Amino acid sequence: TISDGTGRSWTLSSTRQHAVPGIPDVDYVQA
């Protein structure tokens, strides 16, 4: 789960890591 601190939370149903080799500034986790 993730929470935004305002009382809302989400349960993740799918996740994947998005990474561009050699360019770490654009990496993120998509869910």
All heavy atoms as atom14 arrays in JSON, in Angstrom:
{
  "sequence": "TISDGTGRSWTLSSTRQHAVPGIPDVDYVQA",
  "atom14_mask": [
    [1, 1, 1, 1, 1, 1, 1, 0, 0, 0, 0, 0, 0, 0],
    [1, 1, 1, 1, 1, 1, 1, 1, 0, 0, 0, 0, 0, 0],
    [1, 1, 1, 1, 1, 1, 0, 0, 0, 0, 0, 0, 0, 0],
    [1, 1, 1, 1, 1, 1, 1, 1, 0, 0, 0, 0, 0, 0],
    [1, 1, 1, 1, 0, 0, 0, 0, 0, 0, 0, 0, 0, 0],
    [1, 1, 1, 1, 1, 1, 1, 0, 0, 0, 0, 0, 0, 0],
    [1, 1, 1, 1, 0, 0, 0, 0, 0, 0, 0, 0, 0, 0],
    [1, 1, 1, 1, 1, 1, 1, 1, 1, 1, 1, 0, 0, 0],
    [1, 1, 1, 1, 1, 1, 0, 0, 0, 0, 0, 0, 0, 0],
    [1, 1, 1, 1, 1, 1, 1, 1, 1, 1, 1, 1, 1, 1],
    [1, 1, 1, 1, 1, 1, 1, 0, 0, 0, 0, 0, 0, 0],
    [1, 1, 1, 1, 1, 1, 1, 1, 0, 0, 0, 0, 0, 0],
    [1, 1, 1, 1, 1, 1, 0, 0, 0, 0, 0, 0, 0, 0],
    [1, 1, 1, 1, 1, 1, 0, 0, 0, 0, 0, 0, 0, 0],
    [1, 1, 1, 1, 1, 1, 1, 0, 0, 0, 0, 0, 0, 0],
    [1, 1, 1, 1, 1, 1, 1, 1, 1, 1, 1, 0, 0, 0],
    [1, 1, 1, 1, 1, 1, 1, 1, 1, 0, 0, 0, 0, 0],
    [1, 1, 1, 1, 1, 1, 1, 1, 1, 1, 0, 0, 0, 0],
    [1, 1, 1, 1, 1, 0, 0, 0, 0, 0, 0, 0, 0, 0],
    [1, 1, 1, 1, 1, 1, 1, 0, 0, 0, 0, 0, 0, 0],
    [1, 1, 1, 1, 1, 1, 1, 0, 0, 0, 0, 0, 0, 0],
    [1, 1, 1, 1, 0, 0, 0, 0, 0, 0, 0, 0, 0, 0],
    [1, 1, 1, 1, 1, 1, 1, 1, 0, 0, 0, 0, 0, 0],
    [1, 1, 1, 1, 1, 1, 1, 0, 0, 0, 0, 0, 0, 0],
    [1, 1, 1, 1, 1, 1, 1, 1, 0, 0, 0, 0, 0, 0],
    [1, 1, 1, 1, 1, 1, 1, 0, 0, 0, 0, 0, 0, 0],
    [1, 1, 1, 1, 1, 1, 1, 1, 0, 0, 0, 0, 0, 0],
    [1, 1, 1, 1, 1, 1, 1, 1, 1, 1, 1, 1, 0, 0],
    [1, 1, 1, 1, 1, 1, 1, 0, 0, 0, 0, 0, 0, 0],
    [1, 1, 1, 1, 1, 1, 1, 1, 1, 0, 0, 0, 0, 0],
    [1, 1, 1, 1, 1, 0, 0, 0, 0, 0, 0, 0, 0, 0]
  ],
  "atom14_positions": [
    [[0.84, -1.2, 0.0], [0.0, 0.0, 0.0], [0.87, 1.25, 0.0], [2.03, 1.22, 0.4], [-0.95, 0.04, 1.21], [-0.18, 0.01, 2.41], [-1.93, -1.1, 1.2], [0.0, 0.0, 0.0], [0.0, 0.0, 0.0], [0.0, 0.0, 0.0], [0.0, 0.0, 0.0], [0.0, 0.0, 0.0], [0.0, 0.0, 0.0], [0.0, 0.0, 0.0]],
    [[0.26, 2.35, -0.46], [0.89, 3.66, -0.38], [-0.13, 4.61, 0.23], [-1.34, 4.38, 0.14], [1.36, 4.19, -1.75], [0.19, 4.32, -2.71], [2.46, 3.32, -2.31], [0.52, 5.13, -3.94], [0.0, 0.0, 0.0], [0.0, 0.0, 0.0], [0.0, 0.0, 0.0], [0.0, 0.0, 0.0], [0.0, 0.0, 0.0], [0.0, 0.0, 0.0]],
    [[0.36, 5.66, 0.86], [-0.49, 6.66, 1.47], [0.06, 8.03, 1.15], [1.28, 8.21, 1.06], [-0.53, 6.44, 2.99], [-1.22, 7.5, 3.62], [0.0, 0.0, 0.0], [0.0, 0.0, 0.0], [0.0, 0.0, 0.0], [0.0, 0.0, 0.0], [0.0, 0.0, 0.0], [0.0, 0.0, 0.0], [0.0, 0.0, 0.0], [0.0, 0.0, 0.0]],
    [[-0.84, 9.01, 1.0], [-0.38, 10.36, 0.67], [-0.39, 11.29, 1.87], [-0.16, 12.47, 1.74], [-1.19, 10.95, -0.48], [-2.62, 11.24, -0.11], [-3.06, 10.94, 1.01], [-3.34, 11.78, -0.98], [0.0, 0.0, 0.0], [0.0, 0.0, 0.0], [0.0, 0.0, 0.0], [0.0, 0.0, 0.0], [0.0, 0.0, 0.0], [0.0, 0.0, 0.0]],
    [[-0.67, 10.79, 3.08], [-0.63, 11.61, 4.28], [-1.9, 12.4, 4.54], [-2.0, 13.09, 5.55], [0.0, 0.0, 0.0], [0.0, 0.0, 0.0], [0.0, 0.0, 0.0], [0.0, 0.0, 0.0], [0.0, 0.0, 0.0], [0.0, 0.0, 0.0], [0.0, 0.0, 0.0], [0.0, 0.0, 0.0], [0.0, 0.0, 0.0], [0.0, 0.0, 0.0]],
    [[-2.89, 12.34, 3.64], [-4.15, 13.06, 3.86], [-5.25, 12.1, 4.3], [-6.41, 12.49, 4.38], [-4.62, 13.78, 2.58], [-4.95, 12.79, 1.59], [-3.56, 14.72, 2.06], [0.0, 0.0, 0.0], [0.0, 0.0, 0.0], [0.0, 0.0, 0.0], [0.0, 0.0, 0.0], [0.0, 0.0, 0.0], [0.0, 0.0, 0.0], [0.0, 0.0, 0.0]],
    [[-4.88, 10.85, 4.56], [-5.87, 9.84, 4.94], [-6.23, 8.92, 3.79], [-6.92, 7.93, 3.99], [0.0, 0.0, 0.0], [0.0, 0.0, 0.0], [0.0, 0.0, 0.0], [0.0, 0.0, 0.0], [0.0, 0.0, 0.0], [0.0, 0.0, 0.0], [0.0, 0.0, 0.0], [0.0, 0.0, 0.0], [0.0, 0.0, 0.0], [0.0, 0.0, 0.0]],
    [[-5.8, 9.25, 2.58], [-6.07, 8.37, 1.45], [-4.95, 7.34, 1.33], [-3.78, 7.65, 1.54], [-6.17, 9.15, 0.14], [-7.32, 10.1, 0.07], [-7.49, 10.73, -1.29], [-6.24, 11.31, -1.79], [-6.08, 11.77, -3.03], [-7.08, 11.73, -3.88], [-4.93, 12.28, -3.41], [0.0, 0.0, 0.0], [0.0, 0.0, 0.0], [0.0, 0.0, 0.0]],
    [[-5.32, 6.11, 0.98], [-4.32, 5.08, 0.72], [-4.79, 4.21, -0.43], [-5.98, 4.13, -0.72], [-4.06, 4.24, 1.98], [-5.19, 3.46, 2.3], [0.0, 0.0, 0.0], [0.0, 0.0, 0.0], [0.0, 0.0, 0.0], [0.0, 0.0, 0.0], [0.0, 0.0, 0.0], [0.0, 0.0, 0.0], [0.0, 0.0, 0.0], [0.0, 0.0, 0.0]],
    [[-3.84, 3.58, -1.09], [-4.1, 2.75, -2.25], [-3.42, 1.4, -2.07], [-2.29, 1.33, -1.58], [-3.56, 3.4, -3.52], [-4.22, 4.68, -3.88], [-5.25, 4.86, -4.76], [-3.91, 5.98, -3.38], [-5.59, 6.18, -4.83], [-4.78, 6.9, -3.98], [-2.99, 6.47, -2.45], [-4.77, 8.26, -3.72], [-2.96, 7.82, -2.17], [-3.84, 8.7, -2.81]],
    [[-4.09, 0.34, -2.48], [-3.49, -0.99, -2.52], [-3.06, -1.23, -3.96], [-3.85, -1.07, -4.89], [-4.48, -2.07, -2.07], [-4.86, -1.8, -0.71], [-3.85, -3.45, -2.16], [0.0, 0.0, 0.0], [0.0, 0.0, 0.0], [0.0, 0.0, 0.0], [0.0, 0.0, 0.0], [0.0, 0.0, 0.0], [0.0, 0.0, 0.0], [0.0, 0.0, 0.0]],
    [[-1.8, -1.61, -4.14], [-1.26, -1.79, -5.48], [-1.7, -3.13, -6.06], [-1.67, -4.15, -5.38], [0.26, -1.7, -5.45], [0.82, -0.4, -4.88], [2.35, -0.43, -4.89], [0.3, 0.8, -5.63], [0.0, 0.0, 0.0], [0.0, 0.0, 0.0], [0.0, 0.0, 0.0], [0.0, 0.0, 0.0], [0.0, 0.0, 0.0], [0.0, 0.0, 0.0]],
    [[-2.13, -3.11, -7.32], [-2.56, -4.34, -7.99], [-1.6, -4.79, -9.08], [-1.68, -5.91, -9.55], [-3.98, -4.17, -8.57], [-4.01, -3.09, -9.47], [0.0, 0.0, 0.0], [0.0, 0.0, 0.0], [0.0, 0.0, 0.0], [0.0, 0.0, 0.0], [0.0, 0.0, 0.0], [0.0, 0.0, 0.0], [0.0, 0.0, 0.0], [0.0, 0.0, 0.0]],
    [[-0.71, -3.91, -9.5], [0.37, -4.31, -10.43], [1.5, -3.31, -10.28], [1.27, -2.14, -9.97], [-0.13, -4.35, -11.88], [-0.36, -3.05, -12.36], [0.0, 0.0, 0.0], [0.0, 0.0, 0.0], [0.0, 0.0, 0.0], [0.0, 0.0, 0.0], [0.0, 0.0, 0.0], [0.0, 0.0, 0.0], [0.0, 0.0, 0.0], [0.0, 0.0, 0.0]],
    [[2.71, -3.8, -10.47], [3.89, -2.93, -10.34], [4.94, -3.33, -11.36], [5.0, -4.5, -11.78], [4.53, -3.03, -8.94], [5.0, -4.36, -8.74], [3.55, -2.65, -7.84], [0.0, 0.0, 0.0], [0.0, 0.0, 0.0], [0.0, 0.0, 0.0], [0.0, 0.0, 0.0], [0.0, 0.0, 0.0], [0.0, 0.0, 0.0], [0.0, 0.0, 0.0]],
    [[5.74, -2.37, -11.77], [6.9, -2.66, -12.61], [7.89, -1.52, -12.48], [7.51, -0.37, -12.27], [6.53, -2.9, -14.06], [6.27, -1.68, -14.88], [6.05, -2.05, -16.36], [5.86, -0.87, -17.15], [6.83, -0.24, -17.81], [8.05, -0.67, -17.76], [6.56, 0.84, -18.52], [0.0, 0.0, 0.0], [0.0, 0.0, 0.0], [0.0, 0.0, 0.0]],
    [[9.15, -1.87, -12.59], [10.2, -0.87, -12.52], [10.52, -0.4, -13.93], [10.75, -1.2, -14.82], [11.44, -1.48, -11.86], [12.52, -0.48, -11.59], [13.69, -1.09, -10.84], [13.93, -2.28, -10.93], [14.41, -0.27, -10.11], [0.0, 0.0, 0.0], [0.0, 0.0, 0.0], [0.0, 0.0, 0.0], [0.0, 0.0, 0.0], [0.0, 0.0, 0.0]],
    [[10.5, 0.91, -14.13], [10.82, 1.5, -15.42], [12.2, 2.13, -15.3], [12.39, 3.08, -14.53], [9.79, 2.57, -15.8], [10.05, 3.21, -17.12], [10.88, 4.3, -17.25], [9.62, 2.92, -18.36], [10.93, 4.66, -18.52], [10.17, 3.84, -19.2], [0.0, 0.0, 0.0], [0.0, 0.0, 0.0], [0.0, 0.0, 0.0], [0.0, 0.0, 0.0]],
    [[13.17, 1.58, -16.0], [14.54, 2.09, -15.92], [15.13, 2.24, -17.31], [14.96, 1.36, -18.15], [15.4, 1.15, -15.09], [0.0, 0.0, 0.0], [0.0, 0.0, 0.0], [0.0, 0.0, 0.0], [0.0, 0.0, 0.0], [0.0, 0.0, 0.0], [0.0, 0.0, 0.0], [0.0, 0.0, 0.0], [0.0, 0.0, 0.0], [0.0, 0.0, 0.0]],
    [[15.78, 3.36, -17.54], [16.47, 3.61, -18.8], [17.97, 3.48, -18.52], [18.51, 4.26, -17.74], [16.13, 5.0, -19.36], [16.91, 5.27, -20.63], [14.64, 5.14, -19.59], [0.0, 0.0, 0.0], [0.0, 0.0, 0.0], [0.0, 0.0, 0.0], [0.0, 0.0, 0.0], [0.0, 0.0, 0.0], [0.0, 0.0, 0.0], [0.0, 0.0, 0.0]],
    [[18.64, 2.5, -19.12], [20.07, 2.32, -18.87], [20.87, 3.59, -19.14], [20.72, 4.23, -20.18], [20.47, 1.2, -19.83], [19.2, 0.48, -20.13], [18.12, 1.52, -20.07], [0.0, 0.0, 0.0], [0.0, 0.0, 0.0], [0.0, 0.0, 0.0], [0.0, 0.0, 0.0], [0.0, 0.0, 0.0], [0.0, 0.0, 0.0], [0.0, 0.0, 0.0]],
    [[21.68, 3.97, -18.16], [22.54, 5.12, -18.32], [21.89, 6.47, -18.06], [22.55, 7.49, -18.09], [0.0, 0.0, 0.0], [0.0, 0.0, 0.0], [0.0, 0.0, 0.0], [0.0, 0.0, 0.0], [0.0, 0.0, 0.0], [0.0, 0.0, 0.0], [0.0, 0.0, 0.0], [0.0, 0.0, 0.0], [0.0, 0.0, 0.0], [0.0, 0.0, 0.0]],
    [[20.57, 6.49, -17.81], [19.88, 7.76, -17.55], [19.01, 7.59, -16.3], [17.78, 7.49, -16.38], [19.01, 8.2, -18.75], [19.83, 8.15, -20.04], [18.47, 9.62, -18.52], [19.06, 8.44, -21.28], [0.0, 0.0, 0.0], [0.0, 0.0, 0.0], [0.0, 0.0, 0.0], [0.0, 0.0, 0.0], [0.0, 0.0, 0.0], [0.0, 0.0, 0.0]],
    [[19.62, 7.55, -15.11], [18.85, 7.3, -13.89], [17.85, 8.39, -13.53], [16.91, 8.15, -12.77], [19.93, 7.16, -12.81], [21.1, 7.9, -13.35], [21.04, 7.73, -14.85], [0.0, 0.0, 0.0], [0.0, 0.0, 0.0], [0.0, 0.0, 0.0], [0.0, 0.0, 0.0], [0.0, 0.0, 0.0], [0.0, 0.0, 0.0], [0.0, 0.0, 0.0]],
    [[18.0, 9.6, -14.08], [17.09, 10.68, -13.76], [15.66, 10.43, -14.23], [14.73, 11.08, -13.75], [17.57, 12.0, -14.36], [18.83, 12.51, -13.67], [19.15, 12.02, -12.56], [19.51, 13.38, -14.25], [0.0, 0.0, 0.0], [0.0, 0.0, 0.0], [0.0, 0.0, 0.0], [0.0, 0.0, 0.0], [0.0, 0.0, 0.0], [0.0, 0.0, 0.0]],
    [[15.45, 9.52, -15.17], [14.11, 9.26, -15.68], [13.53, 7.94, -15.16], [12.46, 7.53, -15.59], [14.05, 9.3, -17.22], [14.45, 10.67, -17.73], [14.91, 8.22, -17.84], [0.0, 0.0, 0.0], [0.0, 0.0, 0.0], [0.0, 0.0, 0.0], [0.0, 0.0, 0.0], [0.0, 0.0, 0.0], [0.0, 0.0, 0.0], [0.0, 0.0, 0.0]],
    [[14.23, 7.28, -14.24], [13.73, 6.02, -13.69], [12.56, 6.28, -12.75], [12.51, 7.3, -12.06], [14.84, 5.29, -12.92], [15.97, 4.84, -13.83], [15.81, 4.92, -15.06], [17.0, 4.41, -13.28], [0.0, 0.0, 0.0], [0.0, 0.0, 0.0], [0.0, 0.0, 0.0], [0.0, 0.0, 0.0], [0.0, 0.0, 0.0], [0.0, 0.0, 0.0]],
    [[11.61, 5.35, -12.71], [10.48, 5.42, -11.79], [9.87, 4.04, -11.65], [10.19, 3.12, -12.39], [9.43, 6.44, -12.25], [8.76, 6.1, -13.56], [7.55, 5.4, -13.57], [9.3, 6.47, -14.78], [6.92, 5.08, -14.77], [8.68, 6.16, -15.97], [7.49, 5.47, -15.96], [6.88, 5.16, -17.14], [0.0, 0.0, 0.0], [0.0, 0.0, 0.0]],
    [[8.98, 3.9, -10.69], [8.21, 2.68, -10.51], [6.79, 2.99, -10.96], [6.18, 3.95, -10.49], [8.22, 2.21, -9.04], [7.31, 1.01, -8.86], [9.64, 1.9, -8.58], [0.0, 0.0, 0.0], [0.0, 0.0, 0.0], [0.0, 0.0, 0.0], [0.0, 0.0, 0.0], [0.0, 0.0, 0.0], [0.0, 0.0, 0.0], [0.0, 0.0, 0.0]],
    [[6.29, 2.2, -11.89], [4.93, 2.37, -12.39], [4.04, 1.34, -11.69], [4.41, 0.18, -11.57], [4.89, 2.15, -13.89], [3.5, 2.23, -14.48], [3.53, 1.99, -15.98], [4.57, 2.05, -16.62], [2.38, 1.7, -16.53], [0.0, 0.0, 0.0], [0.0, 0.0, 0.0], [0.0, 0.0, 0.0], [0.0, 0.0, 0.0], [0.0, 0.0, 0.0]],
    [[2.87, 1.77, -11.23], [1.95, 0.86, -10.55], [0.51, 1.25, -10.85], [0.23, 2.36, -11.29], [2.2, 0.88, -9.04], [0.0, 0.0, 0.0], [0.0, 0.0, 0.0], [0.0, 0.0, 0.0], [0.0, 0.0, 0.0], [0.0, 0.0, 0.0], [0.0, 0.0, 0.0], [0.0, 0.0, 0.0], [0.0, 0.0, 0.0], [0.0, 0.0, 0.0]]
  ]
}
